[in-house]
């Protein structure tokens, strides 16, 4: 006879201060040793899309794109309004042409390192 699965796993009471019983992870406190913690990190890492470095790079890219949108608006290159919604962390709105010039000089896409790499290709 096949097993019937229900929403309630057991009728056991949850442990004190926990949401589940001891059969379903109530006594688990996670890995304690460095080796155990490393095994746990390796087990949950599947693609590397959500590592700290990748997330910081994505945030920086979104910040640069928001700055480019502001620069286009300030320089009258687009007629629509600025992008609405949540802005990335560290976002500083560009309001004047001087802000756009500073943004263009600080942008890593226009640094001497980027132009040197472009000349090598």
N, C-alpha and C. Protein backbone atom coordinates (compact mmCIF):
# COMPACT_ATOMS: atom_id res chain seq x y z
N UNK A 1 0.85 -1.18 0.00
CA UNK A 1 0.00 0.00 0.00
C UNK A 1 0.89 1.25 0.00
N UNK A 2 0.61 2.22 -0.86
CA UNK A 2 1.47 3.41 -0.93
C UNK A 2 1.33 4.28 0.31
N UNK A 3 2.40 5.02 0.58
CA UNK A 3 2.40 5.92 1.72
C UNK A 3 1.57 7.16 1.41
N UNK A 4 0.77 7.57 2.34
CA UNK A 4 -0.06 8.75 2.16
C UNK A 4 0.65 9.92 2.85
N UNK A 5 0.93 10.97 2.10
CA UNK A 5 1.59 12.14 2.66
C UNK A 5 0.55 13.21 2.98
N UNK A 6 0.66 13.75 4.15
CA UNK A 6 -0.27 14.80 4.57
C UNK A 6 0.51 16.05 4.90
N UNK A 7 -0.18 17.14 5.11
CA UNK A 7 0.49 18.39 5.47
C UNK A 7 1.16 18.29 6.84
N UNK A 8 0.54 17.61 7.78
CA UNK A 8 1.10 17.45 9.12
C UNK A 8 1.99 16.22 9.10
N UNK A 9 3.29 16.39 9.40
CA UNK A 9 4.21 15.25 9.35
C UNK A 9 3.99 14.32 10.53
N UNK A 10 3.95 14.84 11.72
CA UNK A 10 3.72 14.03 12.91
C UNK A 10 2.78 14.79 13.84
N UNK A 11 2.32 14.09 14.83
CA UNK A 11 1.48 14.75 15.82
C UNK A 11 2.27 15.06 17.07
N UNK A 12 3.59 14.92 16.99
CA UNK A 12 4.44 15.21 18.13
C UNK A 12 4.50 16.73 18.36
N UNK A 13 4.67 17.12 19.60
CA UNK A 13 4.78 18.53 19.92
C UNK A 13 6.14 19.07 19.50
N UNK A 14 6.17 20.32 19.15
CA UNK A 14 7.44 20.95 18.81
C UNK A 14 8.27 21.13 20.07
N UNK A 15 9.57 21.12 19.91
CA UNK A 15 10.45 21.34 21.05
C UNK A 15 10.33 22.78 21.54
N UNK A 16 10.68 23.02 22.78
CA UNK A 16 10.57 24.34 23.37
C UNK A 16 11.43 25.34 22.59
N UNK A 17 10.83 26.41 22.14
CA UNK A 17 11.53 27.45 21.41
C UNK A 17 11.74 27.11 19.94
N UNK A 18 11.23 26.00 19.47
CA UNK A 18 11.41 25.59 18.08
C UNK A 18 10.04 25.49 17.42
N UNK A 19 10.06 25.39 16.09
CA UNK A 19 8.80 25.26 15.37
C UNK A 19 8.53 23.82 14.96
N UNK A 20 9.52 22.91 15.18
CA UNK A 20 9.38 21.53 14.74
C UNK A 20 9.77 20.57 15.87
N UNK A 21 9.39 19.31 15.70
CA UNK A 21 9.75 18.30 16.69
C UNK A 21 11.18 17.82 16.46
N UNK A 22 11.67 16.97 17.37
CA UNK A 22 13.04 16.53 17.23
C UNK A 22 13.24 15.56 16.06
N UNK A 23 12.19 14.94 15.56
CA UNK A 23 12.31 14.06 14.41
C UNK A 23 12.50 14.85 13.12
N UNK A 24 12.11 16.09 13.10
CA UNK A 24 12.16 16.88 11.87
C UNK A 24 13.08 18.10 12.00
N UNK A 25 14.17 17.93 12.72
CA UNK A 25 15.18 18.97 12.77
C UNK A 25 15.15 19.86 13.98
N UNK A 26 14.36 19.54 14.98
CA UNK A 26 14.27 20.38 16.15
C UNK A 26 15.53 20.40 16.99
N UNK A 27 16.29 19.33 16.97
CA UNK A 27 17.52 19.26 17.77
C UNK A 27 18.75 19.66 16.98
N UNK A 28 18.60 19.92 15.71
CA UNK A 28 19.76 20.27 14.88
C UNK A 28 20.23 21.68 15.22
N UNK A 29 21.52 21.83 15.45
CA UNK A 29 22.10 23.15 15.73
C UNK A 29 23.10 23.55 14.68
N UNK A 30 23.24 22.76 13.64
CA UNK A 30 24.15 23.09 12.56
C UNK A 30 25.57 22.61 12.83
N UNK A 31 26.45 22.76 11.84
CA UNK A 31 27.82 22.29 12.01
C UNK A 31 28.59 23.17 13.00
N UNK A 32 29.47 22.53 13.76
CA UNK A 32 30.25 23.24 14.78
C UNK A 32 31.71 23.44 14.37
N UNK A 33 32.31 22.46 13.71
CA UNK A 33 33.72 22.55 13.36
C UNK A 33 33.89 23.29 12.04
N UNK A 34 35.09 23.76 11.78
CA UNK A 34 35.37 24.44 10.51
C UNK A 34 35.20 23.49 9.33
N UNK A 35 35.59 22.24 9.51
CA UNK A 35 35.43 21.26 8.43
C UNK A 35 33.95 21.03 8.14
N UNK A 36 33.14 20.94 9.19
CA UNK A 36 31.71 20.76 9.00
C UNK A 36 31.07 21.96 8.33
N UNK A 37 31.50 23.15 8.72
CA UNK A 37 30.97 24.36 8.09
C UNK A 37 31.36 24.43 6.62
N UNK A 38 32.60 24.02 6.31
CA UNK A 38 33.05 24.02 4.92
C UNK A 38 32.25 23.02 4.09
N UNK A 39 31.97 21.83 4.66
CA UNK A 39 31.15 20.84 3.95
C UNK A 39 29.75 21.38 3.70
N UNK A 40 29.20 22.08 4.68
CA UNK A 40 27.86 22.63 4.52
C UNK A 40 27.83 23.70 3.43
N UNK A 41 28.84 24.58 3.41
CA UNK A 41 28.91 25.61 2.36
C UNK A 41 29.05 24.99 0.98
N UNK A 42 29.88 23.95 0.89
CA UNK A 42 30.07 23.27 -0.40
C UNK A 42 28.80 22.56 -0.84
N UNK A 43 28.04 22.04 0.10
CA UNK A 43 26.82 21.31 -0.24
C UNK A 43 25.73 22.23 -0.77
N UNK A 44 25.65 23.44 -0.26
CA UNK A 44 24.58 24.34 -0.69
C UNK A 44 24.98 25.18 -1.90
N UNK A 45 26.27 25.22 -2.23
CA UNK A 45 26.72 25.99 -3.39
C UNK A 45 26.50 25.17 -4.64
N UNK A 46 25.63 25.62 -5.50
CA UNK A 46 25.33 24.86 -6.71
C UNK A 46 25.96 25.50 -7.94
N UNK A 47 25.72 26.78 -8.14
CA UNK A 47 26.20 27.42 -9.36
C UNK A 47 27.18 28.54 -9.11
N UNK A 48 27.20 29.10 -7.91
CA UNK A 48 28.06 30.24 -7.64
C UNK A 48 27.43 31.57 -8.01
N UNK A 49 26.14 31.56 -8.36
CA UNK A 49 25.45 32.79 -8.75
C UNK A 49 25.19 33.72 -7.57
N UNK A 50 25.21 33.20 -6.36
CA UNK A 50 24.87 34.00 -5.21
C UNK A 50 26.02 34.11 -4.21
N UNK A 51 27.24 34.00 -4.67
CA UNK A 51 28.37 34.22 -3.78
C UNK A 51 28.48 35.71 -3.50
N UNK A 52 29.19 36.05 -2.45
CA UNK A 52 29.30 37.45 -2.04
C UNK A 52 29.93 38.30 -3.15
N UNK A 53 30.96 37.76 -3.79
CA UNK A 53 31.65 38.51 -4.84
C UNK A 53 30.74 38.76 -6.04
N UNK A 54 29.98 37.74 -6.43
CA UNK A 54 29.09 37.88 -7.58
C UNK A 54 27.98 38.88 -7.28
N UNK A 55 27.44 38.82 -6.07
CA UNK A 55 26.36 39.74 -5.71
C UNK A 55 26.86 41.19 -5.67
N UNK A 56 28.09 41.40 -5.18
CA UNK A 56 28.65 42.75 -5.16
C UNK A 56 28.88 43.25 -6.58
N UNK A 57 29.33 42.39 -7.47
CA UNK A 57 29.55 42.78 -8.86
C UNK A 57 28.23 43.12 -9.55
N UNK A 58 27.19 42.33 -9.28
CA UNK A 58 25.88 42.63 -9.86
C UNK A 58 25.35 43.97 -9.34
N UNK A 59 25.53 44.22 -8.04
CA UNK A 59 25.07 45.49 -7.47
C UNK A 59 25.81 46.66 -8.09
N UNK A 60 27.11 46.49 -8.31
CA UNK A 60 27.90 47.56 -8.95
C UNK A 60 27.42 47.80 -10.38
N UNK A 61 27.11 46.72 -11.11
CA UNK A 61 26.63 46.86 -12.49
C UNK A 61 25.30 47.60 -12.53
N UNK A 62 24.40 47.26 -11.60
CA UNK A 62 23.10 47.93 -11.55
C UNK A 62 23.28 49.40 -11.19
N UNK A 63 24.22 49.68 -10.31
CA UNK A 63 24.49 51.07 -9.92
C UNK A 63 25.02 51.87 -11.12
N UNK A 64 25.90 51.27 -11.91
CA UNK A 64 26.43 51.96 -13.10
C UNK A 64 25.32 52.18 -14.12
N UNK A 65 24.44 51.17 -14.31
CA UNK A 65 23.33 51.35 -15.25
C UNK A 65 22.38 52.46 -14.82
N UNK A 66 22.12 52.56 -13.53
CA UNK A 66 21.25 53.64 -13.03
C UNK A 66 21.92 54.99 -13.27
N UNK A 67 23.24 55.05 -13.07
CA UNK A 67 23.97 56.29 -13.34
C UNK A 67 23.94 56.66 -14.81
N UNK A 68 24.06 55.66 -15.69
CA UNK A 68 23.99 55.94 -17.12
C UNK A 68 22.62 56.46 -17.53
N UNK A 69 21.58 55.90 -16.92
CA UNK A 69 20.23 56.40 -17.20
C UNK A 69 20.07 57.84 -16.76
N UNK A 70 20.59 58.17 -15.59
CA UNK A 70 20.53 59.55 -15.11
C UNK A 70 21.34 60.48 -16.03
N UNK A 71 22.51 60.00 -16.45
CA UNK A 71 23.35 60.82 -17.33
C UNK A 71 22.64 61.12 -18.64
N UNK A 72 21.98 60.12 -19.21
CA UNK A 72 21.25 60.34 -20.46
C UNK A 72 20.11 61.33 -20.26
N UNK A 73 19.46 61.28 -19.10
CA UNK A 73 18.36 62.21 -18.81
C UNK A 73 18.89 63.63 -18.66
N UNK A 74 20.00 63.80 -17.93
CA UNK A 74 20.55 65.13 -17.69
C UNK A 74 21.05 65.74 -19.00
N UNK A 75 21.62 64.92 -19.88
CA UNK A 75 22.17 65.42 -21.14
C UNK A 75 21.12 65.50 -22.25
N UNK A 76 19.85 65.29 -21.91
CA UNK A 76 18.73 65.35 -22.85
C UNK A 76 18.88 64.37 -24.01
N UNK A 77 19.41 63.20 -23.72
CA UNK A 77 19.54 62.18 -24.75
C UNK A 77 18.28 61.32 -24.83
N UNK A 78 17.46 61.36 -23.79
CA UNK A 78 16.18 60.65 -23.78
C UNK A 78 15.10 61.63 -23.37
N UNK A 79 13.89 61.37 -23.84
CA UNK A 79 12.79 62.28 -23.54
C UNK A 79 11.90 61.76 -22.41
N UNK A 80 12.01 60.48 -22.09
CA UNK A 80 11.17 59.95 -21.03
C UNK A 80 11.71 60.33 -19.65
N UNK A 81 10.92 60.11 -18.64
CA UNK A 81 11.35 60.47 -17.29
C UNK A 81 12.38 59.46 -16.78
N UNK A 82 12.94 59.77 -15.63
CA UNK A 82 13.93 58.88 -15.03
C UNK A 82 13.27 57.57 -14.61
N UNK A 83 14.09 56.55 -14.45
CA UNK A 83 13.60 55.25 -14.05
C UNK A 83 13.04 55.32 -12.63
N UNK A 84 11.84 54.79 -12.46
CA UNK A 84 11.21 54.80 -11.15
C UNK A 84 11.57 53.53 -10.40
N UNK A 85 11.25 53.50 -9.13
CA UNK A 85 11.43 52.30 -8.35
C UNK A 85 12.65 52.34 -7.44
N UNK A 86 12.93 51.19 -6.86
CA UNK A 86 14.02 51.06 -5.90
C UNK A 86 15.35 51.27 -6.60
N UNK A 87 16.20 52.04 -5.98
CA UNK A 87 17.53 52.30 -6.51
C UNK A 87 18.54 51.41 -5.80
N UNK A 88 19.64 51.09 -6.47
CA UNK A 88 20.64 50.21 -5.85
C UNK A 88 21.34 50.87 -4.68
N UNK A 89 21.93 50.04 -3.83
CA UNK A 89 22.67 50.54 -2.67
C UNK A 89 23.85 51.36 -3.15
N UNK A 90 24.07 52.52 -2.56
CA UNK A 90 25.18 53.38 -2.94
C UNK A 90 24.85 54.30 -4.11
N UNK A 91 23.61 54.30 -4.56
CA UNK A 91 23.20 55.12 -5.70
C UNK A 91 23.16 56.59 -5.31
N UNK A 92 23.78 57.42 -6.14
CA UNK A 92 23.75 58.86 -5.95
C UNK A 92 23.16 59.45 -7.24
N UNK A 93 22.02 60.15 -7.17
CA UNK A 93 21.41 60.67 -8.39
C UNK A 93 22.28 61.74 -9.04
N UNK A 94 22.31 61.70 -10.37
CA UNK A 94 23.04 62.71 -11.14
C UNK A 94 22.05 63.80 -11.52
N UNK A 95 22.32 65.02 -11.10
CA UNK A 95 21.37 66.10 -11.31
C UNK A 95 21.90 67.14 -12.29
N UNK A 96 23.19 67.45 -12.22
CA UNK A 96 23.78 68.49 -13.06
C UNK A 96 24.80 67.88 -14.02
N UNK A 97 25.20 68.66 -14.99
CA UNK A 97 26.19 68.22 -15.98
C UNK A 97 27.52 67.92 -15.29
N UNK A 98 27.85 68.67 -14.24
CA UNK A 98 29.09 68.41 -13.49
C UNK A 98 29.06 67.02 -12.85
N UNK A 99 27.88 66.62 -12.35
CA UNK A 99 27.73 65.28 -11.78
C UNK A 99 27.97 64.20 -12.84
N UNK A 100 27.48 64.47 -14.05
CA UNK A 100 27.66 63.52 -15.14
C UNK A 100 29.14 63.41 -15.51
N UNK A 101 29.84 64.56 -15.53
CA UNK A 101 31.27 64.53 -15.86
C UNK A 101 32.05 63.75 -14.80
N UNK A 102 31.73 63.95 -13.54
CA UNK A 102 32.40 63.21 -12.46
C UNK A 102 32.08 61.72 -12.57
N UNK A 103 30.84 61.38 -12.87
CA UNK A 103 30.45 59.99 -13.03
C UNK A 103 31.22 59.34 -14.18
N UNK A 104 31.36 60.07 -15.29
CA UNK A 104 32.08 59.53 -16.45
C UNK A 104 33.55 59.31 -16.14
N UNK A 105 34.15 60.20 -15.35
CA UNK A 105 35.57 60.04 -15.00
C UNK A 105 35.78 58.94 -13.97
N UNK A 106 34.82 58.75 -13.07
CA UNK A 106 34.95 57.73 -12.04
C UNK A 106 34.52 56.34 -12.50
N UNK A 107 33.84 56.27 -13.64
CA UNK A 107 33.32 55.01 -14.14
C UNK A 107 34.48 54.10 -14.54
N UNK A 108 34.54 52.87 -14.02
CA UNK A 108 35.66 52.00 -14.35
C UNK A 108 35.71 51.59 -15.82
N UNK A 109 34.63 51.76 -16.56
CA UNK A 109 34.66 51.44 -17.98
C UNK A 109 35.53 52.40 -18.76
N UNK A 110 35.78 53.57 -18.19
CA UNK A 110 36.56 54.59 -18.89
C UNK A 110 37.92 54.81 -18.24
N UNK A 111 38.38 53.88 -17.43
CA UNK A 111 39.67 54.05 -16.78
C UNK A 111 40.80 53.71 -17.75
N UNK A 112 42.00 54.08 -17.39
CA UNK A 112 43.14 53.79 -18.25
C UNK A 112 43.38 52.29 -18.35
N UNK A 113 43.04 51.54 -17.30
CA UNK A 113 43.20 50.09 -17.32
C UNK A 113 42.28 49.48 -18.36
N UNK A 114 41.04 49.95 -18.41
CA UNK A 114 40.07 49.42 -19.37
C UNK A 114 40.49 49.78 -20.80
N UNK A 115 40.99 51.00 -21.00
CA UNK A 115 41.42 51.38 -22.35
C UNK A 115 42.68 50.63 -22.75
N UNK A 116 43.56 50.32 -21.80
CA UNK A 116 44.76 49.53 -22.10
C UNK A 116 44.37 48.11 -22.50
N UNK A 117 43.40 47.53 -21.81
CA UNK A 117 42.93 46.21 -22.17
C UNK A 117 42.27 46.21 -23.55
N UNK A 118 41.57 47.30 -23.86
CA UNK A 118 40.92 47.41 -25.17
C UNK A 118 41.96 47.51 -26.28
N UNK A 119 43.06 48.23 -26.04
CA UNK A 119 44.10 48.39 -27.05
C UNK A 119 44.85 47.09 -27.30
N UNK A 120 44.95 46.20 -26.27
CA UNK A 120 45.62 44.93 -26.44
C UNK A 120 44.86 44.02 -27.39
N UNK A 121 43.55 44.15 -27.42
CA UNK A 121 42.73 43.29 -28.29
C UNK A 121 42.84 43.76 -29.69
